[in-house]
Amino acid sequence: MFSIHVDVYHHFPRSDDEGRLARIEELLMTLILKGNAMSLELDALTQEVARNTSVDDSAILLLTSLADLIISMKQDPVALQKLADDLKASSTKLADAVVAHTPAAPL
């Protein structure tokens, strides 16, 4: 005798399953958005570090060059005085620029 046996299973989702799935989806979206925001913040921080490193390297080069220049002028008081006058004028311009471009402290 030949017979076929068929089992049929029905899964009826419980009403709270849909709520759980929606919460899981919402949490995943929140994590993705936070991850994207963190990535943007990390990129900005990386750029700022690179800029600061470049500025630091420029300052080191400036100071090293200045020291070498002063050493080369130590026997020439007129040239040394001119360099001092030029540096004073430049430092005044720099100080004014820093003050002009520094945001006011928050209250």
N, C-alpha and C. Protein backbone atom coordinates (compact mmCIF):
# COMPACT_ATOMS: atom_id res chain seq x y z
N MET A 1 0.82 -1.15 0.00
CA MET A 1 0.00 0.00 0.00
C MET A 1 0.90 1.25 0.00
N PHE A 2 0.51 2.18 -0.74
CA PHE A 2 1.25 3.43 -0.92
C PHE A 2 0.50 4.54 -0.21
N SER A 3 1.27 5.36 0.62
CA SER A 3 0.61 6.46 1.32
C SER A 3 1.52 7.68 1.34
N ILE A 4 0.93 8.79 1.36
CA ILE A 4 1.65 10.06 1.45
C ILE A 4 1.24 10.71 2.76
N HIS A 5 2.26 11.13 3.45
CA HIS A 5 1.99 11.80 4.73
C HIS A 5 2.47 13.25 4.60
N VAL A 6 1.63 14.19 4.84
CA VAL A 6 1.95 15.60 4.71
C VAL A 6 1.71 16.25 6.06
N ASP A 7 2.75 16.93 6.56
CA ASP A 7 2.61 17.72 7.79
C ASP A 7 2.62 19.19 7.40
N VAL A 8 1.70 19.91 7.89
CA VAL A 8 1.62 21.34 7.60
C VAL A 8 1.71 22.08 8.93
N TYR A 9 2.68 22.99 8.97
CA TYR A 9 2.85 23.79 10.18
C TYR A 9 2.54 25.24 9.85
N HIS A 10 1.80 25.81 10.66
CA HIS A 10 1.48 27.22 10.50
C HIS A 10 2.12 27.97 11.66
N HIS A 11 2.75 29.06 11.31
CA HIS A 11 3.30 29.91 12.36
C HIS A 11 2.50 31.21 12.33
N PHE A 12 1.84 31.46 13.39
CA PHE A 12 1.10 32.69 13.50
C PHE A 12 1.87 33.60 14.43
N PRO A 13 2.42 34.68 13.86
CA PRO A 13 3.24 35.54 14.73
C PRO A 13 2.40 36.12 15.86
N ARG A 14 3.05 36.14 16.99
CA ARG A 14 2.38 36.76 18.13
C ARG A 14 2.40 38.27 17.92
N SER A 15 1.48 38.93 18.51
CA SER A 15 1.39 40.38 18.31
C SER A 15 2.62 41.11 18.84
N ASP A 16 3.28 40.58 19.87
CA ASP A 16 4.45 41.26 20.40
C ASP A 16 5.71 41.02 19.56
N ASP A 17 5.69 40.02 18.63
CA ASP A 17 6.84 39.78 17.75
C ASP A 17 7.08 40.98 16.84
N GLU A 18 6.02 41.54 16.31
CA GLU A 18 6.17 42.69 15.42
C GLU A 18 6.75 43.88 16.17
N GLY A 19 6.34 44.06 17.39
CA GLY A 19 6.89 45.15 18.21
C GLY A 19 8.37 44.94 18.49
N ARG A 20 8.73 43.70 18.77
CA ARG A 20 10.16 43.39 19.01
C ARG A 20 10.99 43.65 17.76
N LEU A 21 10.48 43.20 16.64
CA LEU A 21 11.22 43.41 15.38
C LEU A 21 11.36 44.90 15.09
N ALA A 22 10.33 45.66 15.33
CA ALA A 22 10.40 47.10 15.10
C ALA A 22 11.43 47.75 16.02
N ARG A 23 11.48 47.30 17.28
CA ARG A 23 12.47 47.86 18.22
C ARG A 23 13.89 47.47 17.80
N ILE A 24 14.07 46.23 17.36
CA ILE A 24 15.39 45.79 16.89
C ILE A 24 15.82 46.63 15.69
N GLU A 25 14.90 46.83 14.75
CA GLU A 25 15.21 47.63 13.57
C GLU A 25 15.55 49.07 13.97
N GLU A 26 14.82 49.61 14.90
CA GLU A 26 15.09 50.98 15.37
C GLU A 26 16.47 51.07 16.04
N LEU A 27 16.80 50.06 16.85
CA LEU A 27 18.12 50.06 17.49
C LEU A 27 19.24 49.94 16.47
N LEU A 28 19.04 49.11 15.46
CA LEU A 28 20.05 48.97 14.40
C LEU A 28 20.24 50.28 13.65
N MET A 29 19.16 50.95 13.33
CA MET A 29 19.25 52.23 12.63
C MET A 29 19.97 53.27 13.50
N THR A 30 19.68 53.25 14.80
CA THR A 30 20.35 54.17 15.73
C THR A 30 21.85 53.89 15.75
N LEU A 31 22.22 52.62 15.81
CA LEU A 31 23.64 52.25 15.81
C LEU A 31 24.33 52.67 14.51
N ILE A 32 23.64 52.48 13.40
CA ILE A 32 24.21 52.88 12.11
C ILE A 32 24.41 54.39 12.05
N LEU A 33 23.42 55.15 12.50
CA LEU A 33 23.53 56.61 12.48
C LEU A 33 24.64 57.08 13.41
N LYS A 34 24.73 56.47 14.60
CA LYS A 34 25.79 56.85 15.54
C LYS A 34 27.16 56.50 14.97
N GLY A 35 27.23 55.34 14.30
CA GLY A 35 28.49 54.94 13.68
C GLY A 35 28.91 55.92 12.60
N ASN A 36 27.95 56.38 11.79
CA ASN A 36 28.25 57.37 10.75
C ASN A 36 28.72 58.68 11.36
N ALA A 37 28.04 59.11 12.43
CA ALA A 37 28.43 60.36 13.10
C ALA A 37 29.83 60.23 13.69
N MET A 38 30.12 59.09 14.30
CA MET A 38 31.45 58.88 14.88
C MET A 38 32.51 58.88 13.78
N SER A 39 32.18 58.31 12.64
CA SER A 39 33.12 58.29 11.52
C SER A 39 33.43 59.71 11.05
N LEU A 40 32.40 60.55 10.95
CA LEU A 40 32.60 61.94 10.55
C LEU A 40 33.44 62.69 11.58
N GLU A 41 33.16 62.45 12.87
CA GLU A 41 33.93 63.10 13.93
C GLU A 41 35.39 62.65 13.89
N LEU A 42 35.61 61.36 13.64
CA LEU A 42 36.98 60.85 13.56
C LEU A 42 37.71 61.46 12.37
N ASP A 43 37.02 61.59 11.23
CA ASP A 43 37.64 62.23 10.06
C ASP A 43 38.03 63.67 10.37
N ALA A 44 37.14 64.40 11.04
CA ALA A 44 37.44 65.80 11.40
C ALA A 44 38.61 65.87 12.36
N LEU A 45 38.65 64.97 13.32
CA LEU A 45 39.75 64.94 14.28
C LEU A 45 41.07 64.60 13.58
N THR A 46 41.03 63.66 12.67
CA THR A 46 42.23 63.28 11.92
C THR A 46 42.76 64.47 11.12
N GLN A 47 41.85 65.21 10.49
CA GLN A 47 42.26 66.40 9.72
C GLN A 47 42.85 67.46 10.63
N GLU A 48 42.26 67.65 11.81
CA GLU A 48 42.76 68.66 12.75
C GLU A 48 44.15 68.28 13.25
N VAL A 49 44.36 67.00 13.54
CA VAL A 49 45.68 66.54 13.98
C VAL A 49 46.70 66.77 12.88
N ALA A 50 46.34 66.47 11.64
CA ALA A 50 47.26 66.69 10.52
C ALA A 50 47.59 68.17 10.38
N ARG A 51 46.58 69.03 10.51
CA ARG A 51 46.80 70.47 10.40
C ARG A 51 47.72 70.96 11.53
N ASN A 52 47.44 70.50 12.74
CA ASN A 52 48.27 70.91 13.88
C ASN A 52 49.70 70.43 13.72
N THR A 53 49.87 69.22 13.23
CA THR A 53 51.21 68.69 13.01
C THR A 53 51.95 69.54 11.99
N SER A 54 51.25 69.94 10.93
CA SER A 54 51.85 70.79 9.91
C SER A 54 52.25 72.15 10.49
N VAL A 55 51.37 72.71 11.31
CA VAL A 55 51.67 73.99 11.94
C VAL A 55 52.86 73.85 12.89
N ASP A 56 52.87 72.78 13.68
CA ASP A 56 53.99 72.54 14.60
C ASP A 56 55.30 72.42 13.83
N ASP A 57 55.28 71.65 12.73
CA ASP A 57 56.49 71.48 11.93
C ASP A 57 56.96 72.82 11.36
N SER A 58 56.02 73.66 10.94
CA SER A 58 56.38 74.98 10.42
C SER A 58 57.01 75.85 11.51
N ALA A 59 56.45 75.78 12.72
CA ALA A 59 56.99 76.57 13.83
C ALA A 59 58.40 76.10 14.18
N ILE A 60 58.62 74.79 14.17
CA ILE A 60 59.95 74.26 14.46
C ILE A 60 60.95 74.73 13.41
N LEU A 61 60.55 74.67 12.14
CA LEU A 61 61.43 75.13 11.06
C LEU A 61 61.74 76.62 11.21
N LEU A 62 60.72 77.42 11.55
CA LEU A 62 60.90 78.85 11.74
C LEU A 62 61.91 79.13 12.86
N LEU A 63 61.71 78.47 13.99
CA LEU A 63 62.61 78.72 15.13
C LEU A 63 64.04 78.26 14.85
N THR A 64 64.17 77.14 14.18
CA THR A 64 65.51 76.65 13.82
C THR A 64 66.19 77.61 12.86
N SER A 65 65.44 78.06 11.86
CA SER A 65 66.00 79.02 10.89
C SER A 65 66.36 80.33 11.56
N LEU A 66 65.51 80.77 12.48
CA LEU A 66 65.77 82.00 13.20
C LEU A 66 67.04 81.89 14.04
N ALA A 67 67.18 80.79 14.72
CA ALA A 67 68.39 80.58 15.53
C ALA A 67 69.64 80.61 14.65
N ASP A 68 69.58 79.94 13.50
CA ASP A 68 70.71 79.94 12.58
C ASP A 68 71.02 81.35 12.08
N LEU A 69 69.97 82.13 11.80
CA LEU A 69 70.14 83.49 11.33
C LEU A 69 70.80 84.37 12.40
N ILE A 70 70.35 84.23 13.62
CA ILE A 70 70.94 85.02 14.72
C ILE A 70 72.41 84.67 14.89
N ILE A 71 72.72 83.39 14.83
CA ILE A 71 74.12 82.97 14.96
C ILE A 71 74.97 83.56 13.84
N SER A 72 74.42 83.58 12.63
CA SER A 72 75.19 84.11 11.50
C SER A 72 75.37 85.63 11.59
N MET A 73 74.50 86.33 12.36
CA MET A 73 74.56 87.79 12.48
C MET A 73 75.25 88.26 13.76
N LYS A 74 75.74 87.38 14.55
CA LYS A 74 76.24 87.80 15.87
C LYS A 74 77.42 88.77 15.78
N GLN A 75 78.11 88.81 14.67
CA GLN A 75 79.22 89.75 14.51
C GLN A 75 78.80 91.04 13.82
N ASP A 76 77.50 91.14 13.44
CA ASP A 76 77.01 92.31 12.72
C ASP A 76 75.86 92.93 13.52
N PRO A 77 76.16 93.87 14.44
CA PRO A 77 75.14 94.43 15.31
C PRO A 77 74.03 95.17 14.55
N VAL A 78 74.34 95.79 13.42
CA VAL A 78 73.33 96.51 12.66
C VAL A 78 72.31 95.51 12.07
N ALA A 79 72.80 94.45 11.48
CA ALA A 79 71.91 93.42 10.91
C ALA A 79 71.10 92.75 12.01
N LEU A 80 71.74 92.52 13.15
CA LEU A 80 71.05 91.89 14.28
C LEU A 80 69.93 92.80 14.80
N GLN A 81 70.19 94.10 14.87
CA GLN A 81 69.17 95.03 15.31
C GLN A 81 68.01 95.09 14.33
N LYS A 82 68.32 95.06 13.03
CA LYS A 82 67.27 95.06 12.01
C LYS A 82 66.41 93.80 12.15
N LEU A 83 67.05 92.67 12.36
CA LEU A 83 66.30 91.43 12.55
C LEU A 83 65.39 91.53 13.78
N ALA A 84 65.91 92.08 14.87
CA ALA A 84 65.10 92.26 16.08
C ALA A 84 63.91 93.16 15.81
N ASP A 85 64.13 94.26 15.07
CA ASP A 85 63.03 95.17 14.74
C ASP A 85 61.98 94.48 13.85
N ASP A 86 62.45 93.72 12.87
CA ASP A 86 61.54 92.98 11.99
C ASP A 86 60.73 91.95 12.77
N LEU A 87 61.39 91.25 13.68
CA LEU A 87 60.69 90.25 14.50
C LEU A 87 59.63 90.89 15.39
N LYS A 88 59.96 92.04 15.95
CA LYS A 88 59.00 92.72 16.80
C LYS A 88 57.78 93.14 16.00
N ALA A 89 57.99 93.66 14.80
CA ALA A 89 56.88 94.06 13.94
C ALA A 89 56.04 92.84 13.55
N SER A 90 56.71 91.75 13.22
CA SER A 90 55.98 90.52 12.85
C SER A 90 55.20 89.96 14.02
N SER A 91 55.81 89.99 15.21
CA SER A 91 55.11 89.42 16.37
C SER A 91 53.89 90.26 16.73
N THR A 92 53.98 91.57 16.52
CA THR A 92 52.82 92.43 16.77
C THR A 92 51.69 92.09 15.80
N LYS A 93 52.04 91.90 14.51
CA LYS A 93 51.03 91.51 13.52
C LYS A 93 50.40 90.16 13.88
N LEU A 94 51.25 89.23 14.28
CA LEU A 94 50.75 87.90 14.63
C LEU A 94 49.83 87.97 15.84
N ALA A 95 50.24 88.70 16.86
CA ALA A 95 49.40 88.84 18.07
C ALA A 95 48.06 89.48 17.72
N ASP A 96 48.08 90.50 16.89
CA ASP A 96 46.83 91.15 16.49
C ASP A 96 45.94 90.18 15.71
N ALA A 97 46.52 89.36 14.84
CA ALA A 97 45.76 88.40 14.04
C ALA A 97 45.16 87.33 14.95
N VAL A 98 45.92 86.88 15.92
CA VAL A 98 45.40 85.85 16.85
C VAL A 98 44.22 86.41 17.63
N VAL A 99 44.37 87.61 18.15
CA VAL A 99 43.27 88.23 18.90
C VAL A 99 42.04 88.42 18.01
N ALA A 100 42.26 88.88 16.79
CA ALA A 100 41.15 89.13 15.87
C ALA A 100 40.40 87.85 15.49
N HIS A 101 41.09 86.74 15.46
CA HIS A 101 40.47 85.49 14.98
C HIS A 101 40.19 84.51 16.12
N THR A 102 40.33 84.93 17.35
CA THR A 102 40.00 84.06 18.47
C THR A 102 38.58 84.34 18.90
N PRO A 103 37.73 83.29 18.92
CA PRO A 103 36.35 83.51 19.33
C PRO A 103 36.27 83.92 20.81
N ALA A 104 35.26 84.70 21.11
CA ALA A 104 35.06 85.12 22.49
C ALA A 104 34.77 83.90 23.36
N ALA A 105 35.22 83.93 24.60
CA ALA A 105 34.98 82.83 25.54
C ALA A 105 33.49 82.73 25.81
N PRO A 106 32.97 81.48 25.88
CA PRO A 106 31.55 81.34 26.17
C PRO A 106 31.23 81.82 27.57
N LEU A 107 30.04 82.37 27.71
CA LEU A 107 29.63 82.89 29.02
C LEU A 107 29.19 81.79 29.93
